[in-house]
Structures are given as C-alpha cells and as structure tokens.
Amino acid sequence: MALNTSADAPLPVGEVSRLIGGWIDRLGAVWVEGQITQLSRRPGAGVVFLTLRDPSYDISVSVTCYRQVFEAVADVVSEGARVVVLAKPEWYAPRGQLSLRATEIKPVGVGELLARLEQLKKSLASEGLFAADRKKALPFLPQLIGLVCGRASAAERDVLENARHRWPAVRFEVRNVPVQGVHAVPQVVQAVKELDALDTVDVIIVARGGGSVEDLLPFSDEQLVRAVAACRTPVVSAIGHEPDNPLLDFVADLRASTPTDAAKKVVPDVGEEYERVRFLRDRARRSVQSFIEREERGLAHALARPSIEDPHRMVDERADQVTALLDRGRRTLGHLLDRADSELTHTHARVVALSPAATLQRGYAVLQKADGHVVRDPDEIAAGEALRARVAEGEFTVRVDA
C-alpha cells in the first residue's frame, strides 16, 4: 500500500479500492463473537445477510454466508442471539464496503456464557472492583433518586410505587433505556454516567425485571461494571429476581433481590420512622422521668438530714458553747484580776511600809552631804560642814557644830 502519489499524480478511486481489496484478500479467516441485530433471509436467495454487533462498544459489521451455512443453525439462531462465526474479511470494491464471509456459525450456549462470565468475574475481582471496603454507604433519606430502567416497565412501576408508598415526599430522576438487546449496554452506561454527574442525585438504582441469562447479559458487561465502579454516587443493583446474579450485583454498593426490594432498602418507611421516633421519644421521656425521680429521692434524703432539716440547730448548739466559754473566760479573768489586785494591794502595803517616806513620817530625818551622799557614819562629816536634812514634810540645811 506504500505508493508514490501526489496532488499532481493521484490514484483513481477504483485503483485505491482495488488495492485495499487486494490487501484484505490476503487476510486469513478469524473467529468472531457478537450478537445478531439484523437478519435477512430472502426466499430463493442463496446468500443470507446479517449484522453482527458488539454491544459493549456499539460497533457493527456486516456478515454474509451461503444459505446452507445458515440453515445448519437456523432453528436455534435468530435476531438477538449471540453467535461465534468463522469468517474471512472481504472487500466489495464497487461500494468500498467491508464485510465478513462466514463459513461456519456456532450459537453461544448458556454454559459457554456462564463460563465466560465466571472468568470475567474472577478478572474483575482480582482488580479489587468487588472489594467491600470500596463500597459506599447509602444515605438515610435520599432527597433525589436516580432510576435507570426500561420504559413503562414493571421494574419502574415497582420502584416508584413502593418508594412513594414508603416515603411520599421522595423524588426521582428517571432514565428510560433499553434493558436488553444490542443497545442496552451503551445506553445504560450513558444513563448511569448522566445521573452520577448530577450533584442533586443521592443514590442511583439500576432496575430490571427477571429474564433469561441472555436477557440479563448486558448487566454483566465489563463496560457497565467499570462505569458503576467509577461512580461517586452510591449505586443499587436491582436486576431480575433473587436467584439472578449479574456482575452488576457484585460491583454495586448494594444488591437488592428485586426492584421492590431496592425501593425498601433505599427509602425508609415513614410509618416505621414515626414509630421509631415515638419509641425513642417515650424512651427519652422515661429516662428523664427516672432521672428526675432519682434526683428527687436524693434531694428528699438530703433534706431529711438534721443539718438540712434544722440548719440553725448546729449554730444554736455552738452559740450555747460560745456563751458558756465566754462566761467561763470572764469568770477566770475576774478571778485572775481579783488575785492580781489583792497581790498588788499587799505589795503596795509592803512597799509603803518599807518606804523611806514612811520612816520619815515617824519623825526620822535623812542627812545628805552637798553632793547628795547620805550620811551613814559620823566620821563622814567634819565640824562646820553644811548638811541637808530631809524630813517628812520637806528639807532644811543644818551645820555640824562639833
């Protein structure tokens, strides 16, 4: 295909188509898996036309086969069936169209589907997409619930009616999408991403009624599983019935056995909440009443104590003791003062009795020399010396005669 071309020397369209066809003709046959979306079997025609689609990536390719090739599986293959085809790529040069020429068609059985799902389940689990620690808790009372379901389906009716019966004020943001077939996976993924992008949506429910393994296959698609794992909003899986376990159940933050069960798990029952509030209110009332009664008993016990019942009693008792001690102190002090007075009187009498003044009162005199020295010996004075004589009523001067 490496050609020397330019704007002045271009190749004709036919030549380009022929070269592409030559390159594709050199390709070998391959086994291809997909879902039949269109099937055309014209009466009398020797070729059957069908379209094979990959639901995970929304890609289709045209397939043709001889009538006898399709007749071998015509009883078990129809539109919507998953098949494995051995085909060789072909290029239709006049229209520039690529198709596959099938030489063998095999329907994919339930056993094969389950085996592939189990292998995919193990691969995703090894990446930690099903780990319990990454699951988010649901809000107690979601204000807005995102719902992904089929249009006018029983699953939608069950979720809406049960949720509004349990909590009439609940609101829904509904996305109606195909829930089976070739368009299911991309549209369910898109709906989940749209709801997850809304800040007002508190939880997302993906709901579908029961069905066969093939009908529920879109909810085990790897693309959908990874999209749910990447959601920041909690996701609830409500697919099929209790025995059904698509891979969405394992990656979702909560698995509900049915759409009705999803409504019960996501929205609280207003009657039950009223009853719970009444129970808690009564319990709180009993607790407060019990506390008050206990405190009242403690207060009554405290008031019954003598110190509280008659608080002045202790003061009165102490007042009597203080009065008694005060009287005792006064008596003791009186005795001490009387004794001291008596001793003072006796001492004063003795002092008076021994006082020189008292001696002078009896007629005695005290002679003192000029320097105040008391004369005690006649030899201390000389003739003609002047002395002072002190008597009781005063003093006078005397002179020694001889």
Protein backbone atom coordinates (compact mmCIF):
# COMPACT_ATOMS: atom_id res chain seq x y z
CA MET A 1 0.00 0.00 0.00
CA ALA A 2 3.05 2.29 0.16
CA LEU A 3 2.57 4.23 -3.08
CA ASN A 4 4.18 7.29 -4.53
CA THR A 5 1.33 9.76 -5.02
CA SER A 6 0.94 13.49 -5.03
CA ALA A 7 -1.62 16.14 -5.79
CA ASP A 8 -0.38 16.15 -9.37
CA ALA A 9 -0.32 12.35 -9.68
CA PRO A 10 -3.25 10.96 -7.65
CA LEU A 11 -4.69 7.46 -7.84
CA PRO A 12 -8.20 6.85 -9.13
CA VAL A 13 -10.80 5.70 -6.62
CA GLY A 14 -11.15 2.39 -8.37
CA GLU A 15 -7.43 1.74 -8.09
CA VAL A 16 -7.42 2.58 -4.39
CA SER A 17 -10.41 0.30 -3.81
CA ARG A 18 -8.73 -2.46 -5.79
CA LEU A 19 -5.52 -2.14 -3.77
CA ILE A 20 -7.46 -2.23 -0.47
CA GLY A 21 -9.29 -5.31 -1.67
CA GLY A 22 -6.02 -6.98 -2.59
CA TRP A 23 -4.62 -6.31 0.89
CA ILE A 24 -7.78 -7.59 2.64
CA ASP A 25 -7.82 -10.72 0.43
CA ARG A 26 -4.50 -11.69 1.94
CA LEU A 27 -6.03 -11.73 5.45
CA GLY A 28 -6.94 -15.12 6.90
CA ALA A 29 -10.19 -16.29 8.49
CA VAL A 30 -10.89 -15.37 12.14
CA TRP A 31 -13.37 -16.44 14.79
CA VAL A 32 -15.64 -13.53 15.71
CA GLU A 33 -18.17 -13.30 18.56
CA GLY A 34 -21.13 -10.93 18.54
CA GLN A 35 -24.88 -10.51 18.67
CA ILE A 36 -27.09 -10.77 15.62
CA THR A 37 -29.02 -7.50 15.24
CA GLN A 38 -30.35 -7.83 11.68
CA LEU A 39 -31.12 -10.98 9.76
CA SER A 40 -32.21 -11.11 6.11
CA ARG A 41 -33.23 -14.45 4.54
CA ARG A 42 -34.81 -13.78 1.17
CA PRO A 43 -36.82 -16.65 -0.26
CA GLY A 44 -34.94 -18.40 -3.01
CA ALA A 45 -31.75 -16.41 -2.39
CA GLY A 46 -28.56 -18.39 -1.98
CA VAL A 47 -26.96 -15.83 0.40
CA VAL A 48 -28.06 -14.80 3.89
CA PHE A 49 -27.27 -11.30 5.16
CA LEU A 50 -26.89 -10.46 8.82
CA THR A 51 -25.33 -7.79 11.03
CA LEU A 52 -23.06 -8.79 13.89
CA ARG A 53 -22.77 -6.26 16.73
CA ASP A 54 -20.52 -5.86 19.76
CA PRO A 55 -22.89 -4.44 22.44
CA SER A 56 -20.03 -3.39 24.68
CA TYR A 57 -18.53 -0.95 22.19
CA ASP A 58 -21.52 -0.22 19.93
CA ILE A 59 -19.71 -1.49 16.81
CA SER A 60 -21.32 -3.49 13.99
CA VAL A 61 -20.07 -5.34 10.95
CA SER A 62 -21.92 -6.91 8.01
CA VAL A 63 -21.73 -10.67 7.57
CA THR A 64 -22.75 -12.80 4.61
CA CYS A 65 -22.91 -16.56 4.29
CA TYR A 66 -24.26 -19.17 1.95
CA ARG A 67 -27.74 -20.41 2.68
CA GLN A 68 -26.58 -23.90 3.59
CA VAL A 69 -24.17 -22.45 6.20
CA PHE A 70 -27.01 -20.64 7.98
CA GLU A 71 -29.52 -23.47 7.58
CA ALA A 72 -27.32 -25.59 9.88
CA VAL A 73 -28.17 -23.31 12.83
CA ALA A 74 -31.41 -21.69 11.62
CA ASP A 75 -33.50 -23.49 14.25
CA VAL A 76 -31.53 -22.08 17.20
CA VAL A 77 -30.32 -18.72 15.86
CA SER A 78 -32.43 -15.60 15.43
CA GLU A 79 -32.12 -11.86 15.90
CA GLY A 80 -30.67 -11.05 19.32
CA ALA A 81 -28.80 -14.36 19.62
CA ARG A 82 -25.09 -14.42 20.42
CA VAL A 83 -23.02 -16.43 17.97
CA VAL A 84 -19.43 -17.27 17.12
CA VAL A 85 -18.63 -17.01 13.44
CA LEU A 86 -15.65 -18.28 11.43
CA ALA A 87 -15.35 -15.66 8.70
CA LYS A 88 -12.90 -14.14 6.23
CA PRO A 89 -12.82 -10.36 5.62
CA GLU A 90 -13.99 -9.33 2.14
CA TRP A 91 -13.86 -6.01 0.32
CA TYR A 92 -16.66 -5.05 -2.07
CA ALA A 93 -14.80 -2.73 -4.40
CA PRO A 94 -17.76 -1.09 -6.24
CA ARG A 95 -19.14 0.32 -2.97
CA GLY A 96 -15.95 0.36 -0.90
CA GLN A 97 -17.64 -1.79 1.75
CA LEU A 98 -16.02 -4.23 4.19
CA SER A 99 -17.87 -7.37 5.24
CA LEU A 100 -17.20 -10.83 6.58
CA ARG A 101 -17.86 -14.01 4.63
CA ALA A 102 -18.91 -16.66 7.17
CA THR A 103 -18.14 -20.31 6.56
CA GLU A 104 -19.31 -21.59 9.94
CA ILE A 105 -21.73 -20.29 12.61
CA LYS A 106 -21.98 -21.58 16.17
CA PRO A 107 -24.55 -20.40 18.69
CA VAL A 108 -23.15 -19.44 22.08
CA GLY A 109 -24.84 -21.69 24.66
CA VAL A 110 -25.79 -20.79 28.20
CA GLY A 111 -22.97 -22.92 29.57
CA GLU A 112 -20.41 -21.07 27.50
CA LEU A 113 -21.87 -17.71 28.55
CA LEU A 114 -21.73 -18.66 32.22
CA ALA A 115 -18.15 -19.88 31.87
CA ARG A 116 -17.10 -16.61 30.24
CA LEU A 117 -18.94 -14.60 32.86
CA GLU A 118 -17.20 -16.54 35.62
CA GLN A 119 -13.83 -15.86 34.02
CA LEU A 120 -14.67 -12.14 33.71
CA LYS A 121 -15.88 -12.13 37.32
CA LYS A 122 -12.55 -13.51 38.56
CA SER A 123 -10.60 -11.00 36.47
CA LEU A 124 -12.58 -8.03 37.79
CA ALA A 125 -12.44 -9.33 41.36
CA SER A 126 -8.65 -9.57 41.14
CA GLU A 127 -8.61 -5.84 40.32
CA GLY A 128 -10.48 -5.10 43.55
CA LEU A 129 -13.69 -3.85 41.89
CA PHE A 130 -15.80 -6.09 44.12
CA ALA A 131 -13.96 -5.33 47.38
CA ALA A 132 -16.19 -4.50 50.35
CA ASP A 133 -14.00 -1.58 51.51
CA ARG A 134 -14.69 0.41 48.33
CA LYS A 135 -18.47 0.22 48.67
CA LYS A 136 -20.21 3.45 49.71
CA ALA A 137 -22.93 3.68 52.31
CA LEU A 138 -26.40 4.74 51.19
CA PRO A 139 -27.86 7.99 52.61
CA PHE A 140 -30.54 7.53 55.28
CA LEU A 141 -33.10 9.67 53.45
CA PRO A 142 -32.22 10.44 49.81
CA GLN A 143 -33.83 13.62 48.51
CA LEU A 144 -33.46 12.66 44.83
CA ILE A 145 -33.08 9.11 43.50
CA GLY A 146 -31.76 8.33 40.05
CA LEU A 147 -33.54 5.39 38.39
CA VAL A 148 -32.29 3.57 35.29
CA CYS A 149 -34.91 1.15 33.92
CA GLY A 150 -36.95 0.15 30.88
CA ARG A 151 -39.69 2.44 29.64
CA ALA A 152 -43.10 1.69 31.21
CA SER A 153 -41.63 -1.47 32.72
CA ALA A 154 -42.85 -3.39 35.74
CA ALA A 155 -39.49 -2.68 37.41
CA GLU A 156 -40.05 1.09 37.08
CA ARG A 157 -43.59 0.79 38.45
CA ASP A 158 -42.46 -1.36 41.39
CA VAL A 159 -39.69 1.03 42.40
CA LEU A 160 -41.76 4.22 42.06
CA GLU A 161 -44.92 2.91 43.73
CA ASN A 162 -43.16 1.20 46.64
CA ALA A 163 -40.81 4.11 47.27
CA ARG A 164 -43.61 6.69 47.27
CA HIS A 165 -45.75 4.46 49.44
CA ARG A 166 -42.94 4.27 51.98
CA TRP A 167 -41.97 7.95 51.77
CA PRO A 168 -44.43 10.12 49.77
CA ALA A 169 -42.04 13.10 49.50
CA VAL A 170 -39.30 11.18 47.68
CA ARG A 171 -38.37 12.45 44.20
CA PHE A 172 -36.98 10.53 41.20
CA GLU A 173 -34.82 11.36 38.20
CA VAL A 174 -35.75 8.57 35.74
CA ARG A 175 -33.74 7.49 32.70
CA ASN A 176 -35.66 5.07 30.44
CA VAL A 177 -33.29 2.90 28.40
CA PRO A 178 -33.32 -0.48 26.68
CA VAL A 179 -32.57 -3.16 29.26
CA GLN A 180 -31.82 -5.97 26.82
CA GLY A 181 -30.59 -6.28 23.28
CA VAL A 182 -27.73 -4.73 21.40
CA HIS A 183 -28.40 -1.13 22.50
CA ALA A 184 -28.76 -1.89 26.21
CA VAL A 185 -25.14 -1.63 27.38
CA PRO A 186 -24.15 1.75 25.86
CA GLN A 187 -27.41 3.43 26.85
CA VAL A 188 -27.40 2.06 30.41
CA VAL A 189 -23.79 3.20 30.80
CA GLN A 190 -24.66 6.65 29.46
CA ALA A 191 -27.68 6.94 31.80
CA VAL A 192 -25.60 5.95 34.84
CA LYS A 193 -22.90 8.49 33.96
CA GLU A 194 -25.50 11.25 33.45
CA LEU A 195 -27.10 10.61 36.84
CA ASP A 196 -23.72 10.36 38.55
CA ALA A 197 -22.80 13.78 37.14
CA LEU A 198 -25.84 15.39 38.84
CA ASP A 199 -24.89 16.74 42.27
CA THR A 200 -28.53 16.56 43.41
CA VAL A 201 -28.80 12.78 42.91
CA ASP A 202 -28.11 10.99 46.20
CA VAL A 203 -28.34 7.36 45.02
CA ILE A 204 -28.77 5.53 41.70
CA ILE A 205 -30.93 2.42 41.21
CA VAL A 206 -30.40 0.23 38.13
CA ALA A 207 -33.54 -1.93 37.88
CA ARG A 208 -34.82 -4.63 35.57
CA GLY A 209 -37.30 -7.48 35.88
CA GLY A 210 -36.44 -11.14 35.55
CA GLY A 211 -35.37 -12.88 32.39
CA SER A 212 -33.11 -15.49 30.89
CA VAL A 213 -29.33 -15.46 31.13
CA GLU A 214 -29.17 -13.93 27.66
CA ASP A 215 -31.69 -11.21 28.61
CA LEU A 216 -29.69 -10.23 31.67
CA LEU A 217 -26.34 -10.39 29.88
CA PRO A 218 -26.00 -6.59 29.42
CA PHE A 219 -25.80 -6.20 33.20
CA SER A 220 -22.72 -8.43 33.29
CA ASP A 221 -20.94 -6.40 30.62
CA GLU A 222 -17.42 -5.30 31.57
CA GLN A 223 -18.00 -1.75 30.31
CA LEU A 224 -21.05 -1.30 32.58
CA VAL A 225 -19.26 -2.86 35.56
CA ARG A 226 -16.34 -0.44 35.22
CA ALA A 227 -18.68 2.52 34.76
CA VAL A 228 -20.51 1.67 38.01
CA ALA A 229 -17.20 1.14 39.82
CA ALA A 230 -16.14 4.67 38.80
CA CYS A 231 -19.34 6.30 40.13
CA ARG A 232 -19.02 8.70 43.06
CA THR A 233 -22.75 8.24 43.81
CA PRO A 234 -23.86 5.03 45.59
CA VAL A 235 -25.36 2.54 43.13
CA VAL A 236 -28.00 -0.09 43.91
CA SER A 237 -28.36 -3.13 41.65
CA ALA A 238 -31.93 -4.46 41.34
CA ILE A 239 -31.72 -6.86 38.43
CA GLY A 240 -34.05 -9.83 37.96
CA HIS A 241 -35.12 -11.99 40.86
CA GLU A 242 -33.39 -13.50 43.90
CA PRO A 243 -31.51 -16.30 42.01
CA ASP A 244 -30.20 -13.90 39.33
CA ASN A 245 -26.65 -12.66 39.94
CA PRO A 246 -25.30 -10.47 37.12
CA LEU A 247 -21.86 -8.95 37.69
CA LEU A 248 -23.53 -5.61 38.39
CA ASP A 249 -24.64 -7.09 41.75
CA PHE A 250 -21.03 -7.55 42.83
CA VAL A 251 -19.73 -4.10 41.87
CA ALA A 252 -22.77 -2.16 43.11
CA ASP A 253 -22.66 -0.61 46.58
CA LEU A 254 -25.85 -2.51 47.50
CA ARG A 255 -27.52 -5.51 45.92
CA ALA A 256 -31.33 -5.77 46.03
CA SER A 257 -33.01 -9.06 45.20
CA THR A 258 -35.81 -7.35 43.23
CA PRO A 259 -36.81 -3.80 42.20
CA THR A 260 -39.36 -3.82 45.03
CA ASP A 261 -36.62 -4.78 47.47
CA ALA A 262 -34.49 -1.91 46.14
CA ALA A 263 -37.24 0.60 46.98
CA LYS A 264 -37.47 -0.82 50.52
CA LYS A 265 -33.71 -0.65 51.06
CA VAL A 266 -33.19 2.82 49.62
CA VAL A 267 -36.19 4.67 51.10
CA PRO A 268 -37.18 4.41 54.78
CA ASP A 269 -40.80 3.67 55.69
CA VAL A 270 -42.50 6.78 57.05
CA GLY A 271 -44.70 4.68 59.35
CA GLU A 272 -41.72 2.81 60.75
CA GLU A 273 -39.85 6.08 61.25
CA TYR A 274 -42.83 7.60 63.06
CA GLU A 275 -42.98 4.52 65.26
CA ARG A 276 -39.21 4.70 65.87
CA VAL A 277 -39.48 8.39 66.76
CA ARG A 278 -42.38 7.63 69.12
CA PHE A 279 -40.41 4.80 70.73
CA LEU A 280 -37.31 6.97 71.15
CA ARG A 281 -39.42 9.84 72.48
CA ASP A 282 -41.07 7.56 75.04
CA ARG A 283 -37.71 6.11 75.94
CA ALA A 284 -36.27 9.60 76.39
CA ARG A 285 -39.29 10.60 78.48
CA ARG A 286 -38.85 7.53 80.69
CA SER A 287 -35.16 8.24 81.06
CA VAL A 288 -35.77 11.86 82.03
CA GLN A 289 -38.58 10.87 84.40
CA SER A 290 -36.39 8.23 86.00
CA PHE A 291 -33.57 10.77 86.37
CA ILE A 292 -35.91 13.33 87.94
CA GLU A 293 -37.37 10.77 90.35
CA ARG A 294 -33.88 9.61 91.33
CA GLU A 295 -32.78 13.18 91.94
CA GLU A 296 -35.96 13.90 93.91
CA ARG A 297 -35.28 10.90 96.15
CA GLY A 298 -31.71 12.09 96.64
CA LEU A 299 -32.94 15.60 97.44
CA ALA A 300 -35.54 14.28 99.91
CA HIS A 301 -32.87 12.16 101.60
CA ALA A 302 -30.58 15.19 101.84
CA LEU A 303 -33.38 17.36 103.22
CA ALA A 304 -34.16 14.74 105.85
CA ARG A 305 -30.67 15.09 107.37
CA PRO A 306 -30.67 17.06 110.67
CA SER A 307 -28.21 19.61 109.34
CA ILE A 308 -30.53 20.47 106.44
CA GLU A 309 -33.86 19.96 108.20
CA ASP A 310 -32.90 22.38 111.05
CA PRO A 311 -29.85 24.29 109.80
CA HIS A 312 -29.86 26.68 112.83
CA ARG A 313 -29.60 23.82 115.29
CA MET A 314 -25.85 23.50 114.85
CA VAL A 315 -25.46 27.26 115.15
CA ASP A 316 -27.58 27.34 118.30
CA GLU A 317 -25.58 24.50 119.82
CA ARG A 318 -22.35 26.28 119.03
CA ALA A 319 -23.84 29.56 120.36
CA ASP A 320 -24.51 27.94 123.75
CA GLN A 321 -20.99 26.60 123.81
CA VAL A 322 -19.61 30.01 122.91
CA THR A 323 -21.72 31.65 125.67
CA ALA A 324 -20.54 29.08 128.20
CA LEU A 325 -16.92 29.55 127.16
CA LEU A 326 -17.36 33.32 127.23
CA ASP A 327 -18.79 33.20 130.78
CA ARG A 328 -16.04 30.84 131.83
CA GLY A 329 -13.46 33.13 130.34
CA ARG A 330 -14.96 36.13 132.09
CA ARG A 331 -15.01 34.32 135.44
CA THR A 332 -11.46 33.14 135.01
CA LEU A 333 -10.32 36.62 134.03
CA GLY A 334 -12.23 38.07 137.02
CA HIS A 335 -10.51 35.65 139.37
CA LEU A 336 -7.14 36.50 137.86
CA LEU A 337 -7.83 40.21 138.16
CA ASP A 338 -9.05 39.89 141.76
CA ARG A 339 -5.98 37.86 142.67
CA ALA A 340 -3.71 40.34 140.95
CA ASP A 341 -5.46 43.22 142.73
CA SER A 342 -5.05 41.52 146.09
CA GLU A 343 -1.39 40.85 145.38
CA LEU A 344 -0.92 44.43 144.24
CA THR A 345 -2.58 45.71 147.41
CA HIS A 346 -0.35 43.54 149.61
CA THR A 347 2.72 44.53 147.64
CA HIS A 348 1.78 48.18 147.84
CA ALA A 349 1.28 47.91 151.59
CA ARG A 350 4.69 46.26 151.97
CA VAL A 351 6.29 48.87 149.77
CA VAL A 352 4.67 51.64 151.74
CA ALA A 353 5.72 50.02 154.96
CA LEU A 354 9.29 49.70 153.77
CA SER A 355 9.35 53.10 152.08
CA PRO A 356 11.84 55.77 153.49
CA ALA A 357 8.96 58.23 153.38
CA ALA A 358 7.10 56.13 155.89
CA THR A 359 10.16 56.18 158.12
CA LEU A 360 10.33 59.93 157.80
CA GLN A 361 6.66 60.17 158.81
CA ARG A 362 7.59 58.61 162.09
CA GLY A 363 9.94 61.52 162.88
CA TYR A 364 13.17 60.37 161.33
CA ALA A 365 15.37 62.57 159.13
CA VAL A 366 17.88 61.80 156.41
CA LEU A 367 21.10 63.80 156.28
CA GLN A 368 22.75 64.34 152.91
CA LYS A 369 26.01 65.97 152.08
CA ALA A 370 26.22 68.63 149.43
CA ASP A 371 26.79 66.01 146.71
CA GLY A 372 23.63 64.11 147.77
CA HIS A 373 25.50 61.37 149.56
CA VAL A 374 23.53 60.06 152.55
CA VAL A 375 25.38 60.30 155.82
CA ARG A 376 25.57 56.93 157.49
CA ASP A 377 28.64 57.38 159.77
CA PRO A 378 29.63 60.38 161.94
CA ASP A 379 33.13 60.04 160.72
CA GLU A 380 31.96 61.03 157.23
CA ILE A 381 31.33 64.64 158.27
CA ALA A 382 33.52 67.44 159.59
CA ALA A 383 32.89 70.25 162.03
CA GLY A 384 31.23 73.24 160.42
CA GLU A 385 30.15 71.26 157.32
CA ALA A 386 26.72 72.16 155.97
CA LEU A 387 24.28 69.27 155.50
CA ARG A 388 20.77 68.97 154.18
CA ALA A 389 18.23 67.41 156.49
CA ARG A 390 15.25 65.76 154.75
CA VAL A 391 12.12 65.18 156.81
CA ALA A 392 8.61 64.05 156.01
CA GLU A 393 7.31 67.47 155.11
CA GLY A 394 10.42 68.80 153.36
CA GLU A 395 14.07 69.61 153.90
CA PHE A 396 16.33 72.26 155.52
CA THR A 397 20.04 72.97 155.98
CA VAL A 398 21.95 72.18 159.17
CA ARG A 399 25.58 72.83 160.11
CA VAL A 400 27.76 70.48 162.12
CA ASP A 401 28.75 72.20 165.40
CA ALA A 402 31.48 69.96 166.72
